[in-house]
Amino acid sequence: MKSILSRRPSPALVISCVALFLSLGGVSYGVATGFIDSREIKNNTIRSKDVRNNTLRTFDIRNNEVRGFDIRQSTIQGRDVAFNTLTGDDVSEESLGKVPSAGTADTATAAGSVNGVGLSKVVYAAEQGSGPVEILNTRGLRLQASCGVGGSLEVTGSGPAGSEVMSSFSGTSGFATPLAVDNGVGLIAYAAPDGSVVTVQGLAIEDLNGVRGTANDCGFFATAEAG
């Protein structure tokens, strides 16, 4: 009897065994029932390879938590952005350049008619060193403009044989080609062989001094009346 009693486990051993059984039993119970939650997982131990590919969804991510540094550079594409959602506020205007077709000048001509008289609006603005572009073509009158180095505006006029083109800006006038177009308000007059007349009243500007973002630019803004 003494030998049997002497082999009894100590209270400490009994407590340790009970704790071990309880801990193992709890994990086994959780595995068997599928109720393992964050309490059974040590913080900062779950890694990417522990998550099955393509299983995380939108509702698994807290709202407003994905930020710029979470996205790899140069991976967002146009198809990742909803249609008609980007606005001017989302784009840096300083990073935008001119489209290739407008690399040398900006021109616009809007035409209309009042009582048989054709009206056209001419808008020309170009950086220095820009080659000639057509800014008006009506009733046989063709005007071209260019912007030389230093912002020197040059306007040339031409028409069919027998026509006449004359300009008068800032007190200078003549039939010369290029036309006498200096800084200021003036007039270009054109008479065609068929009796058509075109008058162009406008403002010529040389050396815009950075109005368009660079110094030494040219501009020609006018209204043409043809009848």
C-alpha atoms as a PDB file:
ATOM      1  CA  MET A   1       0.000   0.000   0.000  1.00  0.00           C
ATOM      2  CA  LYS A   2       2.797   2.426   0.798  1.00  0.00           C
ATOM      3  CA  SER A   3       4.472   1.686  -2.525  1.00  0.00           C
ATOM      4  CA  ILE A   4       1.268   2.522  -4.428  1.00  0.00           C
ATOM      5  CA  LEU A   5       0.744   5.758  -2.506  1.00  0.00           C
ATOM      6  CA  SER A   6       4.368   6.698  -2.998  1.00  0.00           C
ATOM      7  CA  ARG A   7       3.854   6.560  -6.799  1.00  0.00           C
ATOM      8  CA  ARG A   8       0.945   9.015  -6.868  1.00  0.00           C
ATOM      9  CA  PRO A   9       1.609  12.075  -9.035  1.00  0.00           C
ATOM     10  CA  SER A  10       2.274  15.300  -7.272  1.00  0.00           C
ATOM     11  CA  PRO A  11      -0.382  18.035  -7.260  1.00  0.00           C
ATOM     12  CA  ALA A  12       1.800  20.133  -9.514  1.00  0.00           C
ATOM     13  CA  LEU A  13       1.983  17.373 -12.077  1.00  0.00           C
ATOM     14  CA  VAL A  14      -1.773  16.869 -11.955  1.00  0.00           C
ATOM     15  CA  ILE A  15      -2.421  20.561 -12.539  1.00  0.00           C
ATOM     16  CA  SER A  16       0.047  20.649 -15.431  1.00  0.00           C
ATOM     17  CA  CYS A  17      -1.590  17.651 -17.082  1.00  0.00           C
ATOM     18  CA  VAL A  18      -5.059  19.149 -16.678  1.00  0.00           C
ATOM     19  CA  ALA A  19      -3.906  22.424 -18.221  1.00  0.00           C
ATOM     20  CA  LEU A  20      -2.296  20.551 -21.102  1.00  0.00           C
ATOM     21  CA  PHE A  21      -5.427  18.520 -21.777  1.00  0.00           C
ATOM     22  CA  LEU A  22      -7.598  21.614 -21.639  1.00  0.00           C
ATOM     23  CA  SER A  23      -5.390  23.525 -24.057  1.00  0.00           C
ATOM     24  CA  LEU A  24      -5.198  20.644 -26.506  1.00  0.00           C
ATOM     25  CA  GLY A  25      -8.855  19.983 -26.120  1.00  0.00           C
ATOM     26  CA  GLY A  26      -9.730  23.620 -26.825  1.00  0.00           C
ATOM     27  CA  VAL A  27      -7.678  23.722 -30.045  1.00  0.00           C
ATOM     28  CA  SER A  28      -9.047  20.382 -31.145  1.00  0.00           C
ATOM     29  CA  TYR A  29     -12.563  21.578 -30.448  1.00  0.00           C
ATOM     30  CA  GLY A  30     -11.950  24.735 -32.440  1.00  0.00           C
ATOM     31  CA  VAL A  31     -10.518  22.809 -35.384  1.00  0.00           C
ATOM     32  CA  ALA A  32     -13.350  20.299 -35.293  1.00  0.00           C
ATOM     33  CA  THR A  33     -16.087  22.914 -35.151  1.00  0.00           C
ATOM     34  CA  GLY A  34     -14.468  25.539 -37.417  1.00  0.00           C
ATOM     35  CA  PHE A  35     -14.632  28.277 -34.781  1.00  0.00           C
ATOM     36  CA  ILE A  36     -10.983  29.403 -34.747  1.00  0.00           C
ATOM     37  CA  ASP A  37     -10.996  33.172 -34.615  1.00  0.00           C
ATOM     38  CA  SER A  38      -8.459  35.949 -34.105  1.00  0.00           C
ATOM     39  CA  ARG A  39      -8.087  35.016 -30.419  1.00  0.00           C
ATOM     40  CA  GLU A  40      -6.405  31.746 -31.404  1.00  0.00           C
ATOM     41  CA  ILE A  41      -3.995  33.449 -33.862  1.00  0.00           C
ATOM     42  CA  LYS A  42      -0.884  35.225 -32.693  1.00  0.00           C
ATOM     43  CA  ASN A  43      -0.659  38.833 -33.828  1.00  0.00           C
ATOM     44  CA  ASN A  44       1.440  39.533 -36.925  1.00  0.00           C
ATOM     45  CA  THR A  45       1.785  35.866 -37.892  1.00  0.00           C
ATOM     46  CA  ILE A  46      -0.597  35.577 -40.867  1.00  0.00           C
ATOM     47  CA  ARG A  47       1.317  36.175 -44.102  1.00  0.00           C
ATOM     48  CA  SER A  48       0.395  36.560 -47.759  1.00  0.00           C
ATOM     49  CA  LYS A  49       1.162  32.904 -48.516  1.00  0.00           C
ATOM     50  CA  ASP A  50      -1.361  31.884 -45.828  1.00  0.00           C
ATOM     51  CA  VAL A  51      -4.200  33.469 -47.823  1.00  0.00           C
ATOM     52  CA  ARG A  52      -5.621  31.663 -50.846  1.00  0.00           C
ATOM     53  CA  ASN A  53      -5.170  33.581 -54.101  1.00  0.00           C
ATOM     54  CA  ASN A  54      -8.147  35.619 -55.334  1.00  0.00           C
ATOM     55  CA  THR A  55     -10.159  35.116 -52.142  1.00  0.00           C
ATOM     56  CA  LEU A  56      -9.971  38.564 -50.492  1.00  0.00           C
ATOM     57  CA  ARG A  57     -12.828  40.828 -51.570  1.00  0.00           C
ATOM     58  CA  THR A  58     -13.817  44.460 -51.266  1.00  0.00           C
ATOM     59  CA  PHE A  59     -15.699  43.974 -48.002  1.00  0.00           C
ATOM     60  CA  ASP A  60     -12.553  42.394 -46.455  1.00  0.00           C
ATOM     61  CA  ILE A  61     -10.788  45.782 -46.648  1.00  0.00           C
ATOM     62  CA  ARG A  62     -11.713  48.660 -44.383  1.00  0.00           C
ATOM     63  CA  ASN A  63     -13.039  51.695 -46.219  1.00  0.00           C
ATOM     64  CA  ASN A  64     -10.496  54.412 -47.034  1.00  0.00           C
ATOM     65  CA  GLU A  65      -7.551  52.252 -45.963  1.00  0.00           C
ATOM     66  CA  VAL A  66      -5.842  51.569 -49.330  1.00  0.00           C
ATOM     67  CA  ARG A  67      -3.468  54.464 -50.048  1.00  0.00           C
ATOM     68  CA  GLY A  68      -1.018  55.556 -52.695  1.00  0.00           C
ATOM     69  CA  PHE A  69       1.962  53.751 -51.183  1.00  0.00           C
ATOM     70  CA  ASP A  70      -0.044  50.486 -51.164  1.00  0.00           C
ATOM     71  CA  ILE A  71      -0.231  50.530 -54.971  1.00  0.00           C
ATOM     72  CA  ARG A  72       2.732  49.656 -57.145  1.00  0.00           C
ATOM     73  CA  GLN A  73       3.871  52.534 -59.353  1.00  0.00           C
ATOM     74  CA  SER A  74       2.751  52.516 -62.994  1.00  0.00           C
ATOM     75  CA  THR A  75       0.188  49.756 -62.480  1.00  0.00           C
ATOM     76  CA  ILE A  76      -3.100  51.707 -62.494  1.00  0.00           C
ATOM     77  CA  GLN A  77      -4.509  51.816 -66.046  1.00  0.00           C
ATOM     78  CA  GLY A  78      -7.374  53.605 -67.735  1.00  0.00           C
ATOM     79  CA  ARG A  79      -9.622  50.559 -67.336  1.00  0.00           C
ATOM     80  CA  ASP A  80      -9.163  50.814 -63.557  1.00  0.00           C
ATOM     81  CA  VAL A  81     -10.841  54.235 -63.479  1.00  0.00           C
ATOM     82  CA  ALA A  82     -14.603  54.679 -63.820  1.00  0.00           C
ATOM     83  CA  PHE A  83     -15.738  56.486 -66.969  1.00  0.00           C
ATOM     84  CA  ASN A  84     -16.184  60.255 -66.687  1.00  0.00           C
ATOM     85  CA  THR A  85     -14.888  60.456 -63.112  1.00  0.00           C
ATOM     86  CA  LEU A  86     -11.549  62.271 -63.555  1.00  0.00           C
ATOM     87  CA  THR A  87     -11.834  66.063 -63.656  1.00  0.00           C
ATOM     88  CA  GLY A  88      -9.471  68.949 -64.210  1.00  0.00           C
ATOM     89  CA  ASP A  89      -8.695  69.012 -60.492  1.00  0.00           C
ATOM     90  CA  ASP A  90      -7.215  65.488 -60.842  1.00  0.00           C
ATOM     91  CA  VAL A  91      -4.740  66.538 -63.546  1.00  0.00           C
ATOM     92  CA  SER A  92      -1.687  68.756 -63.168  1.00  0.00           C
ATOM     93  CA  GLU A  93      -2.109  71.408 -65.852  1.00  0.00           C
ATOM     94  CA  GLU A  94       1.634  72.122 -65.855  1.00  0.00           C
ATOM     95  CA  SER A  95       2.274  68.558 -67.041  1.00  0.00           C
ATOM     96  CA  LEU A  96       0.086  68.926 -70.126  1.00  0.00           C
ATOM     97  CA  GLY A  97       1.633  69.891 -73.431  1.00  0.00           C
ATOM     98  CA  LYS A  98       0.054  70.857 -76.686  1.00  0.00           C
ATOM     99  CA  VAL A  99      -1.390  68.166 -78.904  1.00  0.00           C
ATOM    100  CA  PRO A 100       0.857  67.523 -81.948  1.00  0.00           C
ATOM    101  CA  SER A 101      -1.469  69.338 -84.381  1.00  0.00           C
ATOM    102  CA  ALA A 102      -1.220  72.515 -82.289  1.00  0.00           C
ATOM    103  CA  GLY A 103       2.486  72.447 -81.609  1.00  0.00           C
ATOM    104  CA  THR A 104       3.239  75.618 -83.541  1.00  0.00           C
ATOM    105  CA  ALA A 105       0.143  77.777 -83.211  1.00  0.00           C
ATOM    106  CA  ASP A 106      -3.431  78.053 -82.066  1.00  0.00           C
ATOM    107  CA  THR A 107      -5.827  79.261 -84.724  1.00  0.00           C
ATOM    108  CA  ALA A 108      -9.595  79.372 -84.879  1.00  0.00           C
ATOM    109  CA  THR A 109     -11.988  80.761 -87.446  1.00  0.00           C
ATOM    110  CA  ALA A 110     -15.703  80.926 -86.720  1.00  0.00           C
ATOM    111  CA  ALA A 111     -17.913  81.826 -89.674  1.00  0.00           C
ATOM    112  CA  GLY A 112     -21.459  83.104 -89.976  1.00  0.00           C
ATOM    113  CA  SER A 113     -23.664  85.249 -92.194  1.00  0.00           C
ATOM    114  CA  VAL A 114     -25.858  88.348 -91.675  1.00  0.00           C
ATOM    115  CA  ASN A 115     -27.986  89.658 -94.584  1.00  0.00           C
ATOM    116  CA  GLY A 116     -25.736  87.961 -97.096  1.00  0.00           C
ATOM    117  CA  VAL A 117     -22.567  89.346 -95.542  1.00  0.00           C
ATOM    118  CA  GLY A 118     -20.168  86.657 -94.319  1.00  0.00           C
ATOM    119  CA  LEU A 119     -18.635  87.165 -90.898  1.00  0.00           C
ATOM    120  CA  SER A 120     -15.585  85.314 -89.621  1.00  0.00           C
ATOM    121  CA  LYS A 121     -13.652  85.509 -86.365  1.00  0.00           C
ATOM    122  CA  VAL A 122      -9.899  84.988 -86.534  1.00  0.00           C
ATOM    123  CA  VAL A 123      -7.879  83.952 -83.485  1.00  0.00           C
ATOM    124  CA  TYR A 124      -4.148  83.343 -83.843  1.00  0.00           C
ATOM    125  CA  ALA A 125      -1.553  82.888 -81.107  1.00  0.00           C
ATOM    126  CA  ALA A 126       1.854  81.280 -81.512  1.00  0.00           C
ATOM    127  CA  GLU A 127       5.214  80.914 -79.833  1.00  0.00           C
ATOM    128  CA  GLN A 128       8.279  82.535 -81.329  1.00  0.00           C
ATOM    129  CA  GLY A 129       9.868  80.497 -84.080  1.00  0.00           C
ATOM    130  CA  SER A 130       6.535  79.145 -85.333  1.00  0.00           C
ATOM    131  CA  GLY A 131       6.200  78.702 -89.075  1.00  0.00           C
ATOM    132  CA  PRO A 132       3.393  80.106 -91.234  1.00  0.00           C
ATOM    133  CA  VAL A 133      -0.154  78.789 -90.804  1.00  0.00           C
ATOM    134  CA  GLU A 134      -3.342  79.787 -92.587  1.00  0.00           C
ATOM    135  CA  ILE A 135      -5.578  81.944 -90.415  1.00  0.00           C
ATOM    136  CA  LEU A 136      -8.260  82.991 -92.940  1.00  0.00           C
ATOM    137  CA  ASN A 137      -9.540  81.777 -96.315  1.00  0.00           C
ATOM    138  CA  THR A 138     -12.665  83.508 -97.628  1.00  0.00           C
ATOM    139  CA  ARG A 139     -13.824  84.887-101.020  1.00  0.00           C
ATOM    140  CA  GLY A 140     -10.387  84.146-102.459  1.00  0.00           C
ATOM    141  CA  LEU A 141      -8.486  85.993 -99.739  1.00  0.00           C
ATOM    142  CA  ARG A 142      -5.940  83.860 -97.924  1.00  0.00           C
ATOM    143  CA  LEU A 143      -4.108  85.148 -94.866  1.00  0.00           C
ATOM    144  CA  GLN A 144      -1.163  83.380 -93.295  1.00  0.00           C
ATOM    145  CA  ALA A 145       0.629  84.286 -90.074  1.00  0.00           C
ATOM    146  CA  SER A 146       3.945  83.318 -88.529  1.00  0.00           C
ATOM    147  CA  CYS A 147       5.876  84.289 -85.412  1.00  0.00           C
ATOM    148  CA  GLY A 148       9.579  84.918 -85.844  1.00  0.00           C
ATOM    149  CA  VAL A 149      12.353  84.777 -83.283  1.00  0.00           C
ATOM    150  CA  GLY A 150      11.842  87.481 -80.691  1.00  0.00           C
ATOM    151  CA  GLY A 151       8.086  87.552 -81.218  1.00  0.00           C
ATOM    152  CA  SER A 152       8.023  89.283 -84.603  1.00  0.00           C
ATOM    153  CA  LEU A 153       4.547  88.836 -86.137  1.00  0.00           C
ATOM    154  CA  GLU A 154       4.358  88.427 -89.921  1.00  0.00           C
ATOM    155  CA  VAL A 155       1.094  88.287 -91.882  1.00  0.00           C
ATOM    156  CA  THR A 156       0.945  87.612 -95.627  1.00  0.00           C
ATOM    157  CA  GLY A 157      -2.088  88.014 -97.866  1.00  0.00           C
ATOM    158  CA  SER A 158      -2.773  86.586-101.293  1.00  0.00           C
ATOM    159  CA  GLY A 159      -5.604  86.235-103.765  1.00  0.00           C
ATOM    160  CA  PRO A 160      -6.305  85.313-107.375  1.00  0.00           C
ATOM    161  CA  ALA A 161      -4.860  87.268-110.282  1.00  0.00           C
ATOM    162  CA  GLY A 162      -6.261  90.769-110.477  1.00  0.00           C
ATOM    163  CA  SER A 163      -7.063  91.044-106.753  1.00  0.00           C
ATOM    164  CA  GLU A 164      -5.614  93.588-104.374  1.00  0.00           C
ATOM    165  CA  VAL A 165      -4.701  93.271-100.668  1.00  0.00           C
ATOM    166  CA  MET A 166      -3.842  96.264 -98.499  1.00  0.00           C
ATOM    167  CA  SER A 167      -3.134  96.667 -94.805  1.00  0.00           C
ATOM    168  CA  SER A 168      -3.063  99.581 -92.378  1.00  0.00           C
ATOM    169  CA  PHE A 169      -1.788  99.077 -88.827  1.00  0.00           C
ATOM    170  CA  SER A 170      -0.424 101.724 -86.462  1.00  0.00           C
ATOM    171  CA  GLY A 171      -0.142 104.328 -89.179  1.00  0.00           C
ATOM    172  CA  THR A 172       1.618 102.165 -91.763  1.00  0.00           C
ATOM    173  CA  SER A 173      -0.091 100.955 -94.912  1.00  0.00           C
ATOM    174  CA  GLY A 174       0.682  99.395 -98.247  1.00  0.00           C
ATOM    175  CA  PHE A 175       0.254  96.462-100.575  1.00  0.00           C
ATOM    176  CA  ALA A 176       3.524  94.802 -99.578  1.00  0.00           C
ATOM    177  CA  THR A 177       3.911  91.100 -98.884  1.00  0.00           C
ATOM    178  CA  PRO A 178       4.292  90.499 -96.022  1.00  0.00           C
ATOM    179  CA  LEU A 179       1.617  93.005 -95.090  1.00  0.00           C
ATOM    180  CA  ALA A 180       2.478  95.943 -92.884  1.00  0.00           C
ATOM    181  CA  VAL A 181       1.140  94.566 -89.609  1.00  0.00           C
ATOM    182  CA  ASP A 182       2.664  96.081 -86.458  1.00  0.00           C
ATOM    183  CA  ASN A 183       1.501  96.228 -82.859  1.00  0.00           C
ATOM    184  CA  GLY A 184      -1.903  97.797 -82.522  1.00  0.00           C
ATOM    185  CA  VAL A 185      -5.318  97.989 -84.152  1.00  0.00           C
ATOM    186  CA  GLY A 186      -5.587  98.037 -87.916  1.00  0.00           C
ATOM    187  CA  LEU A 187      -7.356  96.978 -91.084  1.00  0.00           C
ATOM    188  CA  ILE A 188      -6.694  94.593 -93.961  1.00  0.00           C
ATOM    189  CA  ALA A 189      -8.747  95.262 -97.112  1.00  0.00           C
ATOM    190  CA  TYR A 190      -9.168  92.901-100.040  1.00  0.00           C
ATOM    191  CA  ALA A 191     -10.854  93.393-103.415  1.00  0.00           C
ATOM    192  CA  ALA A 192     -11.465  90.419-105.702  1.00  0.00           C
ATOM    193  CA  PRO A 193     -11.784  90.530-109.505  1.00  0.00           C
ATOM    194  CA  ASP A 194     -15.472  89.575-109.242  1.00  0.00           C
ATOM    195  CA  GLY A 195     -16.209  92.607-107.084  1.00  0.00           C
ATOM    196  CA  SER A 196     -16.166  90.782-103.723  1.00  0.00           C
ATOM    197  CA  VAL A 197     -14.741  92.779-100.861  1.00  0.00           C
ATOM    198  CA  VAL A 198     -13.306  91.518 -97.578  1.00  0.00           C
ATOM    199  CA  THR A 199     -12.322  93.746 -94.681  1.00  0.00           C
ATOM    200  CA  VAL A 200     -10.442  92.368 -91.693  1.00  0.00           C
ATOM    201  CA  GLN A 201     -10.407  94.546 -88.577  1.00  0.00           C
ATOM    202  CA  GLY A 202      -8.141  93.259 -85.853  1.00  0.00           C
ATOM    203  CA  LEU A 203      -5.521  93.621 -83.178  1.00  0.00           C
ATOM    204  CA  ALA A 204      -1.930  92.617 -83.875  1.00  0.00           C
ATOM    205  CA  ILE A 205       0.382  91.903 -80.950  1.00  0.00           C
ATOM    206  CA  GLU A 206       4.101  91.207 -81.034  1.00  0.00           C
ATOM    207  CA  ASP A 207       6.046  89.926 -78.027  1.00  0.00           C
ATOM    208  CA  LEU A 208       3.197  88.914 -75.705  1.00  0.00           C
ATOM    209  CA  ASN A 209       5.639  88.751 -72.774  1.00  0.00           C
ATOM    210  CA  GLY A 210       4.584  85.423 -71.382  1.00  0.00           C
ATOM    211  CA  VAL A 211       0.803  85.702 -71.786  1.00  0.00           C
ATOM    212  CA  ARG A 212       0.835  82.155 -73.181  1.00  0.00           C
ATOM    213  CA  GLY A 213       3.476  80.884 -70.780  1.00  0.00           C
ATOM    214  CA  THR A 214       6.614  81.844 -72.711  1.00  0.00           C
ATOM    215  CA  ALA A 215       8.086  85.199 -73.662  1.00  0.00           C
ATOM    216  CA  ASN A 216       8.201  86.664 -77.185  1.00  0.00           C
ATOM    217  CA  ASP A 217       4.915  85.234 -78.496  1.00  0.00           C
ATOM    218  CA  CYS A 218       2.659  86.615 -81.257  1.00  0.00           C
ATOM    219  CA  GLY A 219      -1.066  87.148 -81.574  1.00  0.00           C
ATOM    220  CA  PHE A 220      -3.566  88.287 -84.204  1.00  0.00           C
ATOM    221  CA  PHE A 221      -7.222  88.639 -83.268  1.00  0.00           C
ATOM    222  CA  ALA A 222      -9.690  89.928 -85.842  1.00  0.00           C
ATOM    223  CA  THR A 223     -13.154  89.928 -87.397  1.00  0.00           C
ATOM    224  CA  ALA A 224     -13.487  89.492 -91.166  1.00  0.00           C
ATOM    225  CA  GLU A 225     -16.487  90.825 -93.092  1.00  0.00           C
ATOM    226  CA  ALA A 226     -16.978  89.517 -96.631  1.00  0.00           C
ATOM    227  CA  GLY A 227     -19.569  90.760 -99.110  1.00  0.00           C
END
